């Protein structure tokens, strides 16, 4: 395999860039298997993170909303007690301060839980196509159609170097970034 530009332009840098077809195919096959294995591990890690997120106490949006309503009812009740003279101004303000702090904490937790739910939903749909590569972890022989479905380009940069661009490169990067965070 050679760069066709070198045939037409004698001054081209890729004039002497060559790689044997068997070497290129074996390299691409190995890259697909490695990428598939990386994504199999990534999928396990993401599922574990998702499971831990769901088990995390206080992250259920409905429970948080329910507690928020109880806090609002408590604030109204305390205000009524204050208006009736059953609660001093200082006690009312102290209770209000405590309830407001808890409400702010719950609001933050709700936003985080909703963001996580949206991210998980989008991620699962977006990542689904990218995880399709996992079925090729055990690919034994070079299959041009499989390689073409996974790799958008493979540039020969030298006798011992290929530069590969994956079709789902941006999604792969998001997956690996998601694992790190």
N, C-alpha and C. Protein backbone atom coordinates (compact mmCIF):
# COMPACT_ATOMS: atom_id res chain seq x y z
N UNK A 1 0.85 -1.16 0.00
CA UNK A 1 0.00 0.00 0.00
C UNK A 1 0.90 1.23 0.00
N UNK A 2 0.56 2.16 -0.85
CA UNK A 2 1.34 3.39 -0.95
C UNK A 2 0.40 4.57 -1.07
N UNK A 3 0.95 5.74 -0.89
CA UNK A 3 0.17 6.97 -1.05
C UNK A 3 0.14 7.31 -2.54
N UNK A 4 -1.04 7.44 -3.15
CA UNK A 4 -1.12 7.73 -4.58
C UNK A 4 -0.60 9.12 -4.94
N UNK A 5 -0.56 10.02 -3.98
CA UNK A 5 -0.07 11.37 -4.25
C UNK A 5 1.40 11.33 -4.69
N UNK A 6 2.14 10.41 -4.14
CA UNK A 6 3.56 10.28 -4.47
C UNK A 6 3.80 9.93 -5.93
N UNK A 7 2.87 9.24 -6.56
CA UNK A 7 3.01 8.88 -7.97
C UNK A 7 2.93 10.11 -8.88
N UNK A 8 2.08 11.05 -8.50
CA UNK A 8 1.83 12.20 -9.35
C UNK A 8 2.68 13.42 -9.00
N UNK A 9 3.14 13.48 -7.77
CA UNK A 9 3.94 14.62 -7.33
C UNK A 9 5.27 14.11 -6.78
N UNK A 10 6.29 14.26 -7.56
CA UNK A 10 7.61 13.73 -7.18
C UNK A 10 8.18 14.40 -5.93
N UNK A 11 7.71 15.61 -5.62
CA UNK A 11 8.20 16.34 -4.45
C UNK A 11 7.44 15.98 -3.17
N UNK A 12 6.39 15.19 -3.27
CA UNK A 12 5.53 14.87 -2.13
C UNK A 12 6.30 14.15 -1.02
N UNK A 13 5.95 14.49 0.22
CA UNK A 13 6.58 13.85 1.38
C UNK A 13 6.18 12.38 1.51
N UNK A 14 5.05 12.04 0.94
CA UNK A 14 4.59 10.66 1.09
C UNK A 14 5.03 9.77 -0.08
N UNK A 15 5.95 10.25 -0.85
CA UNK A 15 6.41 9.49 -2.02
C UNK A 15 6.97 8.13 -1.63
N UNK A 16 7.68 8.08 -0.54
CA UNK A 16 8.31 6.82 -0.13
C UNK A 16 7.58 6.14 1.03
N UNK A 17 6.39 6.58 1.33
CA UNK A 17 5.62 5.98 2.40
C UNK A 17 4.92 4.74 1.87
N UNK A 18 5.24 3.61 2.47
CA UNK A 18 4.66 2.34 2.04
C UNK A 18 4.41 1.46 3.26
N UNK A 19 3.46 0.56 3.08
CA UNK A 19 3.22 -0.46 4.11
C UNK A 19 2.64 -1.67 3.40
N UNK A 20 3.06 -2.83 3.82
CA UNK A 20 2.54 -4.04 3.21
C UNK A 20 1.08 -4.23 3.63
N UNK A 21 0.28 -4.69 2.67
CA UNK A 21 -1.15 -4.85 2.88
C UNK A 21 -1.43 -5.74 4.09
N UNK A 22 -0.71 -6.84 4.21
CA UNK A 22 -0.93 -7.78 5.32
C UNK A 22 -0.63 -7.11 6.66
N UNK A 23 0.41 -6.28 6.70
CA UNK A 23 0.77 -5.58 7.93
C UNK A 23 -0.32 -4.57 8.28
N UNK A 24 -0.80 -3.82 7.30
CA UNK A 24 -1.86 -2.84 7.54
C UNK A 24 -3.14 -3.53 8.02
N UNK A 25 -3.51 -4.62 7.38
CA UNK A 25 -4.72 -5.35 7.77
C UNK A 25 -4.59 -5.92 9.18
N UNK A 26 -3.43 -6.51 9.48
CA UNK A 26 -3.22 -7.07 10.82
C UNK A 26 -3.25 -5.97 11.88
N UNK A 27 -2.68 -4.84 11.56
CA UNK A 27 -2.68 -3.71 12.50
C UNK A 27 -4.10 -3.19 12.74
N UNK A 28 -4.86 -3.02 11.66
CA UNK A 28 -6.25 -2.55 11.80
C UNK A 28 -7.09 -3.56 12.59
N UNK A 29 -6.90 -4.83 12.33
CA UNK A 29 -7.62 -5.87 13.04
C UNK A 29 -7.30 -5.80 14.54
N UNK A 30 -6.03 -5.65 14.86
CA UNK A 30 -5.60 -5.56 16.25
C UNK A 30 -6.16 -4.29 16.92
N UNK A 31 -6.19 -3.20 16.19
CA UNK A 31 -6.75 -1.96 16.72
C UNK A 31 -8.24 -2.10 17.03
N UNK A 32 -8.97 -2.75 16.15
CA UNK A 32 -10.41 -2.97 16.37
C UNK A 32 -10.61 -3.83 17.61
N UNK A 33 -9.85 -4.90 17.74
CA UNK A 33 -9.98 -5.77 18.91
C UNK A 33 -9.65 -5.01 20.20
N UNK A 34 -8.56 -4.23 20.16
CA UNK A 34 -8.17 -3.46 21.35
C UNK A 34 -9.23 -2.44 21.72
N UNK A 35 -9.74 -1.72 20.72
CA UNK A 35 -10.78 -0.72 20.98
C UNK A 35 -12.02 -1.39 21.54
N UNK A 36 -12.38 -2.54 21.00
CA UNK A 36 -13.55 -3.28 21.49
C UNK A 36 -13.34 -3.69 22.95
N UNK A 37 -12.17 -4.19 23.28
CA UNK A 37 -11.89 -4.60 24.65
C UNK A 37 -11.91 -3.41 25.60
N UNK A 38 -11.37 -2.28 25.17
CA UNK A 38 -11.43 -1.07 25.99
C UNK A 38 -12.87 -0.66 26.26
N UNK A 39 -13.69 -0.75 25.23
CA UNK A 39 -15.09 -0.34 25.38
C UNK A 39 -15.90 -1.35 26.20
N UNK A 40 -15.53 -2.60 26.17
CA UNK A 40 -16.18 -3.60 27.02
C UNK A 40 -15.92 -3.23 28.48
N UNK A 41 -14.65 -2.92 28.79
CA UNK A 41 -14.30 -2.51 30.15
C UNK A 41 -15.00 -1.20 30.52
N UNK A 42 -15.04 -0.26 29.58
CA UNK A 42 -15.69 1.03 29.82
C UNK A 42 -17.17 0.85 30.12
N UNK A 43 -17.81 -0.04 29.37
CA UNK A 43 -19.23 -0.28 29.58
C UNK A 43 -19.49 -0.83 30.98
N UNK A 44 -18.63 -1.75 31.43
CA UNK A 44 -18.78 -2.30 32.79
C UNK A 44 -18.64 -1.21 33.83
N UNK A 45 -17.65 -0.34 33.66
CA UNK A 45 -17.41 0.75 34.61
C UNK A 45 -18.59 1.71 34.62
N UNK A 46 -19.09 2.06 33.44
CA UNK A 46 -20.23 2.98 33.37
C UNK A 46 -21.48 2.38 34.03
N UNK A 47 -21.71 1.10 33.81
CA UNK A 47 -22.87 0.45 34.43
C UNK A 47 -22.74 0.44 35.95
N UNK A 48 -21.51 0.22 36.43
CA UNK A 48 -21.26 0.22 37.88
C UNK A 48 -21.48 1.62 38.46
N UNK A 49 -20.99 2.64 37.74
CA UNK A 49 -21.19 4.02 38.19
C UNK A 49 -22.68 4.36 38.21
N UNK A 50 -23.40 3.93 37.19
CA UNK A 50 -24.84 4.19 37.12
C UNK A 50 -25.56 3.50 38.28
N UNK A 51 -25.16 2.28 38.58
CA UNK A 51 -25.77 1.53 39.67
C UNK A 51 -25.52 2.23 41.01
N UNK A 52 -24.29 2.71 41.22
CA UNK A 52 -23.96 3.42 42.46
C UNK A 52 -24.75 4.72 42.56
N UNK A 53 -24.92 5.41 41.43
CA UNK A 53 -25.68 6.66 41.42
C UNK A 53 -27.13 6.41 41.83
N UNK A 54 -27.69 5.31 41.35
CA UNK A 54 -29.08 4.99 41.68
C UNK A 54 -29.22 4.59 43.15
N UNK A 55 -28.16 3.98 43.69
CA UNK A 55 -28.20 3.55 45.09
C UNK A 55 -27.90 4.69 46.05
N UNK A 56 -27.37 5.77 45.53
CA UNK A 56 -26.99 6.91 46.37
C UNK A 56 -28.23 7.48 47.05
N UNK A 57 -28.21 7.54 48.39
CA UNK A 57 -29.40 8.03 49.09
C UNK A 57 -29.65 9.51 48.78
N UNK A 58 -30.92 9.85 48.72
CA UNK A 58 -31.28 11.24 48.51
C UNK A 58 -31.23 11.69 47.06
N UNK A 59 -31.06 10.77 46.14
CA UNK A 59 -30.94 11.16 44.74
C UNK A 59 -32.20 10.85 43.93
N UNK A 60 -33.25 10.33 44.57
CA UNK A 60 -34.50 10.07 43.87
C UNK A 60 -35.26 11.38 43.77
N UNK A 61 -35.52 11.84 42.57
CA UNK A 61 -36.15 13.14 42.33
C UNK A 61 -37.51 13.23 43.01
N UNK A 62 -38.30 12.17 42.93
CA UNK A 62 -39.64 12.20 43.53
C UNK A 62 -39.58 12.33 45.05
N UNK A 63 -38.65 11.62 45.69
CA UNK A 63 -38.50 11.74 47.14
C UNK A 63 -38.05 13.14 47.52
N UNK A 64 -37.15 13.71 46.72
CA UNK A 64 -36.68 15.06 46.99
C UNK A 64 -37.81 16.07 46.85
N UNK A 65 -38.65 15.91 45.83
CA UNK A 65 -39.80 16.81 45.65
C UNK A 65 -40.77 16.69 46.82
N UNK A 66 -40.98 15.46 47.28
CA UNK A 66 -41.88 15.22 48.40
C UNK A 66 -41.35 15.92 49.66
N UNK A 67 -40.07 15.78 49.91
CA UNK A 67 -39.48 16.44 51.08
C UNK A 67 -39.55 17.96 50.94
N UNK A 68 -39.39 18.46 49.72
CA UNK A 68 -39.48 19.90 49.46
C UNK A 68 -40.89 20.40 49.82
N UNK A 69 -41.92 19.64 49.45
CA UNK A 69 -43.29 20.03 49.78
C UNK A 69 -43.50 20.05 51.29
N UNK A 70 -42.92 19.07 52.00
CA UNK A 70 -43.03 19.03 53.47
C UNK A 70 -42.36 20.26 54.09
N UNK A 71 -41.23 20.65 53.53
CA UNK A 71 -40.55 21.84 54.03
C UNK A 71 -41.41 23.09 53.83
N UNK A 72 -42.02 23.20 52.66
CA UNK A 72 -42.90 24.35 52.38
C UNK A 72 -44.08 24.36 53.36
N UNK A 73 -44.65 23.19 53.60
CA UNK A 73 -45.77 23.10 54.54
C UNK A 73 -45.30 23.47 55.95
N UNK A 74 -44.11 23.06 56.30
CA UNK A 74 -43.54 23.39 57.61
C UNK A 74 -43.33 24.88 57.77
N UNK A 75 -42.86 25.52 56.70
CA UNK A 75 -42.65 26.97 56.75
C UNK A 75 -43.98 27.70 56.96
N UNK A 76 -45.01 27.26 56.25
CA UNK A 76 -46.34 27.88 56.38
C UNK A 76 -46.87 27.68 57.80
N UNK A 77 -46.71 26.45 58.30
CA UNK A 77 -47.18 26.13 59.65
C UNK A 77 -46.45 27.00 60.69
N UNK A 78 -45.16 27.13 60.56
CA UNK A 78 -44.38 27.94 61.49
C UNK A 78 -44.80 29.41 61.42
N UNK A 79 -45.06 29.89 60.22
CA UNK A 79 -45.49 31.29 60.07
C UNK A 79 -46.84 31.51 60.75
N UNK A 80 -47.74 30.55 60.56
CA UNK A 80 -49.05 30.67 61.20
C UNK A 80 -48.92 30.66 62.72
N UNK A 81 -48.04 29.81 63.25
CA UNK A 81 -47.80 29.77 64.69
C UNK A 81 -47.23 31.10 65.17
N UNK A 82 -46.34 31.67 64.39
CA UNK A 82 -45.76 32.97 64.73
C UNK A 82 -46.84 34.05 64.75
N UNK A 83 -47.70 34.05 63.72
CA UNK A 83 -48.78 35.05 63.62
C UNK A 83 -49.78 34.92 64.80
N UNK A 84 -49.97 33.67 65.25
CA UNK A 84 -50.90 33.42 66.35
C UNK A 84 -50.26 33.69 67.71
N UNK A 85 -48.96 33.94 67.70
CA UNK A 85 -48.27 34.22 68.95
C UNK A 85 -47.78 32.97 69.66
N UNK A 86 -47.85 31.82 69.03
CA UNK A 86 -47.41 30.56 69.63
C UNK A 86 -45.90 30.36 69.46
N UNK A 87 -45.29 31.20 68.64
CA UNK A 87 -43.87 31.08 68.34
C UNK A 87 -43.27 32.48 68.38
N UNK A 88 -42.15 32.62 69.08
CA UNK A 88 -41.49 33.93 69.14
C UNK A 88 -40.86 34.25 67.80
N UNK A 89 -40.60 35.55 67.62
CA UNK A 89 -39.98 36.00 66.37
C UNK A 89 -38.62 35.32 66.17
N UNK A 90 -37.81 35.25 67.22
CA UNK A 90 -36.48 34.65 67.14
C UNK A 90 -36.57 33.16 66.80
N UNK A 91 -37.49 32.46 67.42
CA UNK A 91 -37.68 31.03 67.15
C UNK A 91 -38.15 30.82 65.71
N UNK A 92 -39.09 31.67 65.30
CA UNK A 92 -39.60 31.57 63.92
C UNK A 92 -38.46 31.79 62.92
N UNK A 93 -37.66 32.85 63.13
CA UNK A 93 -36.56 33.16 62.21
C UNK A 93 -35.51 32.05 62.21
N UNK A 94 -35.26 31.46 63.35
CA UNK A 94 -34.29 30.35 63.43
C UNK A 94 -34.80 29.13 62.66
N UNK A 95 -36.08 28.80 62.85
CA UNK A 95 -36.67 27.68 62.11
C UNK A 95 -36.68 27.95 60.61
N UNK A 96 -37.03 29.18 60.25
CA UNK A 96 -37.08 29.57 58.85
C UNK A 96 -35.69 29.44 58.23
N UNK A 97 -34.68 29.88 58.95
CA UNK A 97 -33.28 29.80 58.47
C UNK A 97 -32.89 28.33 58.23
N UNK A 98 -33.24 27.47 59.17
CA UNK A 98 -32.93 26.03 59.06
C UNK A 98 -33.65 25.42 57.86
N UNK A 99 -34.95 25.74 57.73
CA UNK A 99 -35.74 25.20 56.61
C UNK A 99 -35.23 25.71 55.26
N UNK A 100 -34.86 26.98 55.20
CA UNK A 100 -34.33 27.54 53.95
C UNK A 100 -33.02 26.87 53.54
N UNK A 101 -32.16 26.61 54.54
CA UNK A 101 -30.87 25.94 54.25
C UNK A 101 -31.13 24.54 53.71
N UNK A 102 -32.06 23.81 54.33
CA UNK A 102 -32.37 22.45 53.87
C UNK A 102 -33.01 22.50 52.49
N UNK A 103 -33.86 23.49 52.25
CA UNK A 103 -34.51 23.62 50.95
C UNK A 103 -33.47 23.90 49.86
N UNK A 104 -32.49 24.73 50.18
CA UNK A 104 -31.41 25.02 49.22
C UNK A 104 -30.60 23.75 48.91
N UNK A 105 -30.34 22.98 49.95
CA UNK A 105 -29.62 21.71 49.79
C UNK A 105 -30.42 20.74 48.91
N UNK A 106 -31.73 20.65 49.16
CA UNK A 106 -32.59 19.78 48.36
C UNK A 106 -32.67 20.24 46.91
N UNK A 107 -32.73 21.54 46.69
CA UNK A 107 -32.77 22.08 45.33
C UNK A 107 -31.52 21.68 44.58
N UNK A 108 -30.38 21.79 45.24
CA UNK A 108 -29.12 21.40 44.62
C UNK A 108 -29.11 19.91 44.29
N UNK A 109 -29.57 19.08 45.22
CA UNK A 109 -29.62 17.63 45.00
C UNK A 109 -30.58 17.29 43.85
N UNK A 110 -31.72 18.00 43.78
CA UNK A 110 -32.68 17.75 42.71
C UNK A 110 -32.09 18.10 41.35
N UNK A 111 -31.41 19.23 41.28
CA UNK A 111 -30.78 19.63 40.02
C UNK A 111 -29.75 18.60 39.59
N UNK A 112 -28.94 18.14 40.53
CA UNK A 112 -27.92 17.13 40.23
C UNK A 112 -28.56 15.83 39.78
N UNK A 113 -29.62 15.40 40.47
CA UNK A 113 -30.31 14.15 40.11
C UNK A 113 -30.94 14.26 38.73
N UNK A 114 -31.55 15.41 38.43
CA UNK A 114 -32.17 15.60 37.11
C UNK A 114 -31.11 15.65 36.01
N UNK A 115 -29.99 16.32 36.27
CA UNK A 115 -28.90 16.36 35.29
C UNK A 115 -28.36 14.96 35.03
N UNK A 116 -28.19 14.18 36.11
CA UNK A 116 -27.69 12.81 35.96
C UNK A 116 -28.67 11.96 35.15
N UNK A 117 -29.97 12.13 35.42
CA UNK A 117 -30.97 11.35 34.69
C UNK A 117 -30.95 11.71 33.21
N UNK A 118 -30.86 12.99 32.89
CA UNK A 118 -30.81 13.42 31.50
C UNK A 118 -29.52 12.92 30.84
N UNK A 119 -28.40 13.06 31.54
CA UNK A 119 -27.12 12.62 30.99
C UNK A 119 -27.11 11.12 30.75
N UNK A 120 -27.66 10.35 31.69
CA UNK A 120 -27.71 8.90 31.52
C UNK A 120 -28.58 8.52 30.33
N UNK A 121 -29.72 9.18 30.21
CA UNK A 121 -30.63 8.88 29.11
C UNK A 121 -29.99 9.21 27.76
N UNK A 122 -29.41 10.41 27.66
CA UNK A 122 -28.76 10.80 26.40
C UNK A 122 -27.55 9.92 26.14
N UNK A 123 -26.78 9.68 27.20
CA UNK A 123 -25.59 8.87 27.05
C UNK A 123 -25.88 7.46 26.60
N UNK A 124 -26.92 6.87 27.15
CA UNK A 124 -27.21 5.49 26.79
C UNK A 124 -27.61 5.38 25.32
N UNK A 125 -28.42 6.35 24.85
CA UNK A 125 -28.81 6.32 23.43
C UNK A 125 -27.62 6.63 22.53
N UNK A 126 -26.84 7.62 22.94
CA UNK A 126 -25.71 8.03 22.13
C UNK A 126 -24.61 6.96 22.15
N UNK A 127 -24.38 6.37 23.33
CA UNK A 127 -23.33 5.39 23.48
C UNK A 127 -23.68 4.04 22.88
N UNK A 128 -24.97 3.77 22.74
CA UNK A 128 -25.42 2.47 22.24
C UNK A 128 -24.74 2.10 20.91
N UNK A 129 -24.71 3.05 19.99
CA UNK A 129 -24.09 2.80 18.69
C UNK A 129 -22.59 2.57 18.84
N UNK A 130 -21.96 3.33 19.71
CA UNK A 130 -20.52 3.20 19.90
C UNK A 130 -20.16 1.85 20.50
N UNK A 131 -21.00 1.34 21.39
CA UNK A 131 -20.72 0.06 22.03
C UNK A 131 -20.93 -1.12 21.08
N UNK A 132 -21.44 -0.85 19.91
CA UNK A 132 -21.62 -1.88 18.88
C UNK A 132 -20.28 -2.55 18.55
N UNK A 133 -19.20 -1.83 18.71
CA UNK A 133 -17.87 -2.36 18.40
C UNK A 133 -17.51 -3.53 19.31
N UNK A 134 -18.12 -3.62 20.48
CA UNK A 134 -17.78 -4.67 21.45
C UNK A 134 -17.94 -6.08 20.89
N UNK A 135 -18.85 -6.24 19.95
CA UNK A 135 -19.05 -7.58 19.38
C UNK A 135 -17.87 -8.04 18.54
N UNK A 136 -16.94 -7.13 18.25
CA UNK A 136 -15.78 -7.49 17.44
C UNK A 136 -14.51 -7.71 18.27
N UNK A 137 -14.66 -7.86 19.57
CA UNK A 137 -13.50 -8.09 20.43
C UNK A 137 -12.78 -9.39 20.06
N UNK A 138 -13.51 -10.35 19.58
CA UNK A 138 -12.91 -11.63 19.22
C UNK A 138 -12.74 -11.83 17.72
N UNK A 139 -12.77 -10.74 16.97
CA UNK A 139 -12.63 -10.82 15.52
C UNK A 139 -11.30 -11.49 15.17
N UNK A 140 -11.37 -12.57 14.42
CA UNK A 140 -10.17 -13.38 14.14
C UNK A 140 -9.48 -12.99 12.83
N UNK A 141 -10.28 -12.66 11.82
CA UNK A 141 -9.69 -12.36 10.52
C UNK A 141 -10.13 -10.99 10.04
N UNK A 142 -9.33 -10.41 9.19
CA UNK A 142 -9.62 -9.09 8.64
C UNK A 142 -10.89 -9.17 7.80
N UNK A 143 -11.83 -8.29 8.10
CA UNK A 143 -13.10 -8.22 7.36
C UNK A 143 -13.27 -6.77 6.94
N UNK A 144 -13.12 -6.54 5.66
CA UNK A 144 -13.14 -5.18 5.13
C UNK A 144 -14.42 -4.43 5.48
N UNK A 145 -15.57 -5.10 5.42
CA UNK A 145 -16.84 -4.42 5.71
C UNK A 145 -16.94 -4.05 7.20
N UNK A 146 -16.44 -4.89 8.07
CA UNK A 146 -16.44 -4.59 9.50
C UNK A 146 -15.53 -3.39 9.77
N UNK A 147 -14.34 -3.43 9.23
CA UNK A 147 -13.38 -2.34 9.41
C UNK A 147 -13.96 -1.04 8.87
N UNK A 148 -14.59 -1.09 7.71
CA UNK A 148 -15.17 0.10 7.10
C UNK A 148 -16.34 0.65 7.93
N UNK A 149 -17.04 -0.22 8.64
CA UNK A 149 -18.16 0.24 9.47
C UNK A 149 -17.68 0.92 10.76
N UNK A 150 -16.43 0.67 11.14
CA UNK A 150 -15.91 1.20 12.40
C UNK A 150 -14.90 2.34 12.24
N UNK A 151 -14.16 2.30 11.14
CA UNK A 151 -13.07 3.26 10.93
C UNK A 151 -13.39 4.15 9.73
N UNK A 152 -13.28 5.46 9.94
CA UNK A 152 -13.56 6.37 8.82
C UNK A 152 -12.33 6.58 7.96
N UNK A 153 -11.14 6.53 8.56
CA UNK A 153 -9.93 6.63 7.75
C UNK A 153 -8.74 6.00 8.47
N UNK A 154 -7.83 5.48 7.66
CA UNK A 154 -6.58 4.93 8.17
C UNK A 154 -5.48 5.44 7.24
N UNK A 155 -4.67 6.34 7.76
CA UNK A 155 -3.62 6.95 6.95
C UNK A 155 -2.29 6.28 7.25
N UNK A 156 -1.59 5.92 6.21
CA UNK A 156 -0.26 5.34 6.36
C UNK A 156 0.71 6.49 6.55
N UNK A 157 1.32 6.54 7.72
CA UNK A 157 2.22 7.64 8.05
C UNK A 157 3.69 7.23 7.93
N UNK A 158 3.90 5.96 7.78
CA UNK A 158 5.24 5.42 7.65
C UNK A 158 5.16 3.92 7.64
N UNK A 159 6.30 3.28 7.50
CA UNK A 159 6.32 1.83 7.40
C UNK A 159 5.77 1.16 8.66
N UNK A 160 5.91 1.83 9.79
CA UNK A 160 5.47 1.23 11.04
C UNK A 160 4.43 2.08 11.77
N UNK A 161 3.72 2.92 11.03
CA UNK A 161 2.78 3.83 11.69
C UNK A 161 1.54 4.08 10.85
N UNK A 162 0.38 3.85 11.50
CA UNK A 162 -0.92 4.16 10.90
C UNK A 162 -1.62 5.20 11.77
N UNK A 163 -2.34 6.10 11.14
CA UNK A 163 -3.14 7.07 11.88
C UNK A 163 -4.60 6.75 11.59
N UNK A 164 -5.31 6.32 12.64
CA UNK A 164 -6.69 5.85 12.47
C UNK A 164 -7.67 6.85 13.05
N UNK A 165 -8.73 7.10 12.30
CA UNK A 165 -9.84 7.93 12.78
C UNK A 165 -11.08 7.03 12.83
N UNK A 166 -11.62 6.90 14.04
CA UNK A 166 -12.79 6.05 14.25
C UNK A 166 -14.05 6.81 13.86
N UNK A 167 -15.04 6.10 13.37
CA UNK A 167 -16.30 6.74 13.00
C UNK A 167 -17.00 7.33 14.22
N UNK A 168 -16.86 6.71 15.36
CA UNK A 168 -17.49 7.20 16.59
C UNK A 168 -16.45 7.81 17.53
N UNK A 169 -15.42 8.41 16.99
CA UNK A 169 -14.31 8.96 17.78
C UNK A 169 -14.80 9.90 18.88
N UNK A 170 -15.69 10.82 18.53
CA UNK A 170 -16.18 11.78 19.52
C UNK A 170 -16.97 11.09 20.64
N UNK A 171 -17.71 10.06 20.30
CA UNK A 171 -18.47 9.34 21.32
C UNK A 171 -17.53 8.52 22.19
N UNK A 172 -16.51 7.90 21.59
CA UNK A 172 -15.52 7.16 22.36
C UNK A 172 -14.85 8.09 23.38
N UNK A 173 -14.52 9.30 22.94
CA UNK A 173 -13.90 10.26 23.84
C UNK A 173 -14.83 10.62 24.99
N UNK A 174 -16.12 10.79 24.70
CA UNK A 174 -17.10 11.09 25.76
C UNK A 174 -17.19 9.94 26.75
N UNK A 175 -17.19 8.73 26.23
CA UNK A 175 -17.26 7.55 27.10
C UNK A 175 -16.08 7.51 28.04
N UNK A 176 -14.88 7.67 27.50
CA UNK A 176 -13.68 7.60 28.34
C UNK A 176 -13.61 8.79 29.30
N UNK A 177 -14.12 9.93 28.89
CA UNK A 177 -14.17 11.11 29.75
C UNK A 177 -15.17 10.86 30.89
N UNK A 178 -16.28 10.24 30.55
CA UNK A 178 -17.31 9.92 31.54
C UNK A 178 -16.78 8.95 32.60
N UNK A 179 -15.91 8.07 32.20
CA UNK A 179 -15.32 7.11 33.13
C UNK A 179 -14.41 7.84 34.12
N UNK A 180 -13.64 8.79 33.61
CA UNK A 180 -12.69 9.52 34.45
C UNK A 180 -13.39 10.42 35.47
N UNK A 181 -14.58 10.91 35.12
CA UNK A 181 -15.24 11.87 36.04
C UNK A 181 -16.01 11.18 37.13
